[in-house]
N, C-alpha and C. Protein backbone atom coordinates (compact mmCIF):
# COMPACT_ATOMS: atom_id res chain seq x y z
N MET A 1 -25.24 -8.97 -12.86
CA MET A 1 -25.24 -7.56 -13.14
C MET A 1 -23.80 -7.07 -13.34
N ASP A 2 -23.57 -6.32 -14.39
CA ASP A 2 -22.26 -5.74 -14.66
C ASP A 2 -22.16 -4.39 -13.96
N ALA A 3 -20.99 -4.13 -13.40
CA ALA A 3 -20.78 -2.85 -12.73
C ALA A 3 -19.30 -2.48 -12.82
N THR A 4 -19.06 -1.20 -12.82
CA THR A 4 -17.68 -0.70 -12.80
C THR A 4 -17.53 0.23 -11.61
N THR A 5 -16.48 0.00 -10.86
CA THR A 5 -16.17 0.85 -9.72
C THR A 5 -14.74 1.35 -9.88
N THR A 6 -14.51 2.59 -9.54
CA THR A 6 -13.17 3.16 -9.63
C THR A 6 -12.65 3.48 -8.24
N TRP A 7 -11.50 2.95 -7.94
CA TRP A 7 -10.78 3.30 -6.71
C TRP A 7 -9.54 4.06 -7.14
N THR A 8 -9.20 5.07 -6.39
CA THR A 8 -8.07 5.93 -6.75
C THR A 8 -6.92 5.74 -5.76
N THR A 9 -5.72 5.56 -6.31
CA THR A 9 -4.52 5.45 -5.48
C THR A 9 -3.62 6.65 -5.76
N ARG A 10 -3.16 7.28 -4.69
CA ARG A 10 -2.24 8.40 -4.80
C ARG A 10 -0.98 8.02 -4.04
N ILE A 11 0.16 8.20 -4.66
CA ILE A 11 1.43 7.84 -4.02
C ILE A 11 2.30 9.09 -3.93
N THR A 12 2.80 9.34 -2.71
CA THR A 12 3.73 10.44 -2.52
C THR A 12 5.07 9.86 -2.10
N ILE A 13 6.13 10.47 -2.62
CA ILE A 13 7.49 9.98 -2.36
C ILE A 13 8.32 11.15 -1.85
N GLY A 14 9.05 10.91 -0.77
CA GLY A 14 9.92 11.93 -0.22
C GLY A 14 11.26 11.35 0.14
N GLU A 15 12.29 12.16 0.06
CA GLU A 15 13.65 11.74 0.42
C GLU A 15 14.20 12.66 1.50
N HIS A 16 14.86 12.04 2.48
CA HIS A 16 15.45 12.82 3.56
C HIS A 16 16.57 12.00 4.20
N ASP A 17 17.74 12.59 4.30
CA ASP A 17 18.90 11.95 4.94
C ASP A 17 19.19 10.55 4.41
N GLY A 18 19.15 10.40 3.09
CA GLY A 18 19.50 9.11 2.49
C GLY A 18 18.41 8.05 2.57
N ARG A 19 17.24 8.43 3.04
CA ARG A 19 16.11 7.50 3.11
C ARG A 19 15.00 7.98 2.19
N THR A 20 14.32 7.04 1.59
CA THR A 20 13.17 7.36 0.75
C THR A 20 11.94 6.78 1.42
N ARG A 21 10.89 7.57 1.48
CA ARG A 21 9.62 7.15 2.09
C ARG A 21 8.52 7.33 1.05
N ALA A 22 7.75 6.27 0.84
CA ALA A 22 6.60 6.34 -0.06
C ALA A 22 5.34 6.05 0.75
N VAL A 23 4.30 6.81 0.46
CA VAL A 23 3.01 6.62 1.12
C VAL A 23 1.96 6.43 0.03
N ALA A 24 1.27 5.29 0.08
CA ALA A 24 0.23 4.98 -0.90
C ALA A 24 -1.13 5.15 -0.23
N HIS A 25 -1.93 6.03 -0.78
CA HIS A 25 -3.27 6.30 -0.26
C HIS A 25 -4.28 5.69 -1.24
N LEU A 26 -5.15 4.83 -0.73
CA LEU A 26 -6.19 4.22 -1.56
C LEU A 26 -7.54 4.73 -1.11
N ARG A 27 -8.25 5.35 -2.02
CA ARG A 27 -9.60 5.82 -1.74
C ARG A 27 -10.56 4.80 -2.34
N THR A 28 -11.39 4.22 -1.47
CA THR A 28 -12.32 3.17 -1.89
C THR A 28 -13.75 3.70 -1.85
N ARG A 29 -14.69 2.79 -1.93
CA ARG A 29 -16.10 3.17 -1.87
C ARG A 29 -16.38 3.93 -0.56
N ASP A 30 -17.39 4.70 -0.55
CA ASP A 30 -17.81 5.44 0.65
C ASP A 30 -16.72 6.35 1.20
N LEU A 31 -15.78 6.76 0.37
CA LEU A 31 -14.72 7.68 0.74
C LEU A 31 -13.79 7.15 1.83
N ASP A 32 -13.76 5.83 2.02
CA ASP A 32 -12.79 5.25 2.94
C ASP A 32 -11.40 5.45 2.36
N GLU A 33 -10.41 5.56 3.22
CA GLU A 33 -9.04 5.68 2.73
C GLU A 33 -8.14 4.77 3.55
N LEU A 34 -7.37 3.97 2.84
CA LEU A 34 -6.36 3.12 3.46
C LEU A 34 -5.00 3.68 3.08
N VAL A 35 -4.02 3.48 3.97
CA VAL A 35 -2.69 4.02 3.73
C VAL A 35 -1.66 2.92 3.95
N GLY A 36 -0.74 2.79 3.00
CA GLY A 36 0.40 1.89 3.13
C GLY A 36 1.68 2.70 3.05
N VAL A 37 2.69 2.28 3.80
CA VAL A 37 3.95 3.04 3.85
C VAL A 37 5.12 2.10 3.54
N GLY A 38 6.09 2.61 2.79
CA GLY A 38 7.29 1.86 2.50
C GLY A 38 8.52 2.74 2.58
N PHE A 39 9.61 2.15 3.05
CA PHE A 39 10.87 2.89 3.19
C PHE A 39 11.99 2.15 2.46
N THR A 40 13.01 2.90 2.10
CA THR A 40 14.26 2.33 1.62
C THR A 40 15.37 3.31 1.96
N ARG A 41 16.59 2.79 1.97
CA ARG A 41 17.73 3.68 2.21
C ARG A 41 18.85 3.24 1.26
N LEU A 42 19.68 4.17 0.95
CA LEU A 42 20.80 3.91 0.06
C LEU A 42 21.90 3.20 0.82
N SER A 43 22.30 2.06 0.32
CA SER A 43 23.45 1.35 0.90
C SER A 43 24.72 2.08 0.47
N PRO A 44 25.68 2.22 1.38
CA PRO A 44 26.93 2.91 1.02
C PRO A 44 27.65 2.26 -0.16
N ALA A 45 27.43 0.98 -0.39
CA ALA A 45 28.11 0.28 -1.47
C ALA A 45 27.41 0.44 -2.82
N ASP A 46 26.19 0.97 -2.83
CA ASP A 46 25.41 1.09 -4.06
C ASP A 46 25.54 2.47 -4.67
N PRO A 47 25.43 2.56 -6.00
CA PRO A 47 25.42 3.88 -6.64
C PRO A 47 24.12 4.61 -6.29
N ASP A 48 24.18 5.93 -6.24
CA ASP A 48 23.01 6.74 -5.90
C ASP A 48 22.15 6.95 -7.14
N VAL A 49 21.11 6.14 -7.26
CA VAL A 49 20.16 6.25 -8.37
C VAL A 49 18.77 6.44 -7.73
N PRO A 50 18.34 7.69 -7.54
CA PRO A 50 17.10 7.97 -6.82
C PRO A 50 15.89 7.21 -7.36
N ARG A 51 15.81 7.02 -8.67
CA ARG A 51 14.67 6.32 -9.27
C ARG A 51 14.52 4.92 -8.70
N ILE A 52 15.62 4.23 -8.47
CA ILE A 52 15.57 2.87 -7.94
C ILE A 52 15.08 2.89 -6.49
N GLY A 53 15.55 3.84 -5.70
CA GLY A 53 15.06 3.97 -4.33
C GLY A 53 13.57 4.25 -4.31
N ASP A 54 13.11 5.10 -5.23
CA ASP A 54 11.67 5.39 -5.34
C ASP A 54 10.90 4.11 -5.65
N GLU A 55 11.39 3.35 -6.61
CA GLU A 55 10.70 2.11 -7.00
C GLU A 55 10.58 1.14 -5.82
N ILE A 56 11.66 0.99 -5.08
CA ILE A 56 11.64 0.05 -3.95
C ILE A 56 10.69 0.55 -2.85
N ALA A 57 10.76 1.83 -2.52
CA ALA A 57 9.88 2.38 -1.49
C ALA A 57 8.42 2.28 -1.90
N VAL A 58 8.12 2.58 -3.16
CA VAL A 58 6.74 2.49 -3.64
C VAL A 58 6.26 1.04 -3.62
N ALA A 59 7.10 0.13 -4.07
CA ALA A 59 6.72 -1.29 -4.04
C ALA A 59 6.39 -1.73 -2.62
N ARG A 60 7.20 -1.31 -1.66
CA ARG A 60 6.95 -1.68 -0.26
C ARG A 60 5.67 -1.02 0.27
N ALA A 61 5.41 0.20 -0.14
CA ALA A 61 4.18 0.87 0.27
C ALA A 61 2.95 0.15 -0.30
N LEU A 62 3.04 -0.29 -1.54
CA LEU A 62 1.92 -1.00 -2.15
C LEU A 62 1.70 -2.37 -1.53
N VAL A 63 2.78 -3.05 -1.16
CA VAL A 63 2.65 -4.33 -0.46
C VAL A 63 1.97 -4.11 0.89
N ASP A 64 2.41 -3.08 1.62
CA ASP A 64 1.80 -2.76 2.90
C ASP A 64 0.32 -2.43 2.72
N LEU A 65 0.01 -1.64 1.71
CA LEU A 65 -1.37 -1.28 1.41
C LEU A 65 -2.19 -2.53 1.09
N GLY A 66 -1.64 -3.43 0.32
CA GLY A 66 -2.34 -4.67 -0.03
C GLY A 66 -2.66 -5.50 1.19
N HIS A 67 -1.72 -5.60 2.11
CA HIS A 67 -1.96 -6.35 3.35
C HIS A 67 -3.06 -5.69 4.19
N ARG A 68 -3.03 -4.37 4.25
CA ARG A 68 -4.07 -3.66 5.01
C ARG A 68 -5.44 -3.86 4.38
N LEU A 69 -5.51 -3.82 3.06
CA LEU A 69 -6.78 -4.01 2.35
C LEU A 69 -7.29 -5.43 2.55
N LEU A 70 -6.40 -6.40 2.52
CA LEU A 70 -6.79 -7.78 2.76
C LEU A 70 -7.34 -7.96 4.18
N HIS A 71 -6.74 -7.27 5.14
CA HIS A 71 -7.21 -7.33 6.53
C HIS A 71 -8.64 -6.75 6.63
N VAL A 72 -8.87 -5.63 5.96
CA VAL A 72 -10.21 -5.02 5.96
C VAL A 72 -11.22 -5.97 5.32
N ALA A 73 -10.82 -6.59 4.21
CA ALA A 73 -11.72 -7.52 3.53
C ALA A 73 -12.06 -8.70 4.42
N ALA A 74 -11.08 -9.21 5.17
CA ALA A 74 -11.32 -10.33 6.08
C ALA A 74 -12.30 -9.91 7.18
N GLU A 75 -12.12 -8.72 7.73
CA GLU A 75 -13.05 -8.23 8.75
C GLU A 75 -14.46 -8.09 8.19
N ASP A 76 -14.57 -7.57 6.98
CA ASP A 76 -15.88 -7.43 6.34
C ASP A 76 -16.52 -8.79 6.10
N LEU A 77 -15.73 -9.75 5.65
CA LEU A 77 -16.24 -11.10 5.39
C LEU A 77 -16.71 -11.75 6.69
N GLU A 78 -15.96 -11.58 7.75
CA GLU A 78 -16.35 -12.13 9.05
C GLU A 78 -17.66 -11.52 9.53
N GLU A 79 -17.82 -10.23 9.29
CA GLU A 79 -19.05 -9.56 9.70
C GLU A 79 -20.26 -10.09 8.93
N VAL A 80 -20.08 -10.36 7.66
CA VAL A 80 -21.18 -10.84 6.82
C VAL A 80 -21.51 -12.30 7.11
N THR A 81 -20.48 -13.13 7.29
CA THR A 81 -20.72 -14.57 7.44
C THR A 81 -20.84 -15.02 8.90
N GLY A 82 -20.30 -14.24 9.81
CA GLY A 82 -20.31 -14.64 11.20
C GLY A 82 -19.29 -15.73 11.52
N ARG A 83 -18.37 -15.95 10.58
CA ARG A 83 -17.32 -16.97 10.77
C ARG A 83 -15.95 -16.32 10.54
N PRO A 84 -14.92 -16.91 11.18
CA PRO A 84 -13.57 -16.38 10.96
C PRO A 84 -13.17 -16.51 9.48
N ALA A 85 -12.51 -15.50 8.99
CA ALA A 85 -12.02 -15.50 7.60
C ALA A 85 -10.50 -15.60 7.62
N HIS A 86 -9.96 -16.41 6.76
CA HIS A 86 -8.51 -16.58 6.65
C HIS A 86 -8.13 -16.35 5.19
N LEU A 87 -7.96 -15.10 4.83
CA LEU A 87 -7.60 -14.76 3.45
C LEU A 87 -6.10 -14.83 3.28
N VAL A 88 -5.67 -15.32 2.13
CA VAL A 88 -4.26 -15.49 1.84
C VAL A 88 -3.89 -14.61 0.65
N VAL A 89 -2.71 -14.02 0.73
CA VAL A 89 -2.22 -13.18 -0.38
C VAL A 89 -1.79 -14.08 -1.52
């Protein structure tokens, strides 16, 4: 059976005191929401290019979100199979 499902990701980025924080919100089936967070800070030796800090913080937030989603999937798989699940990224 063919099916299409849409999950929505919303990312917010904020800067404060030389640090950038990105929060990735993933809305899945049944209105569940997972959240991943990533941070970065400007090194004194680097030029101040906010876009690059945003990219790094968002990438870290998405990696965190991916790990959290994989953990949820492993728990769901264990519940269905009754056996330990060892999912690898």
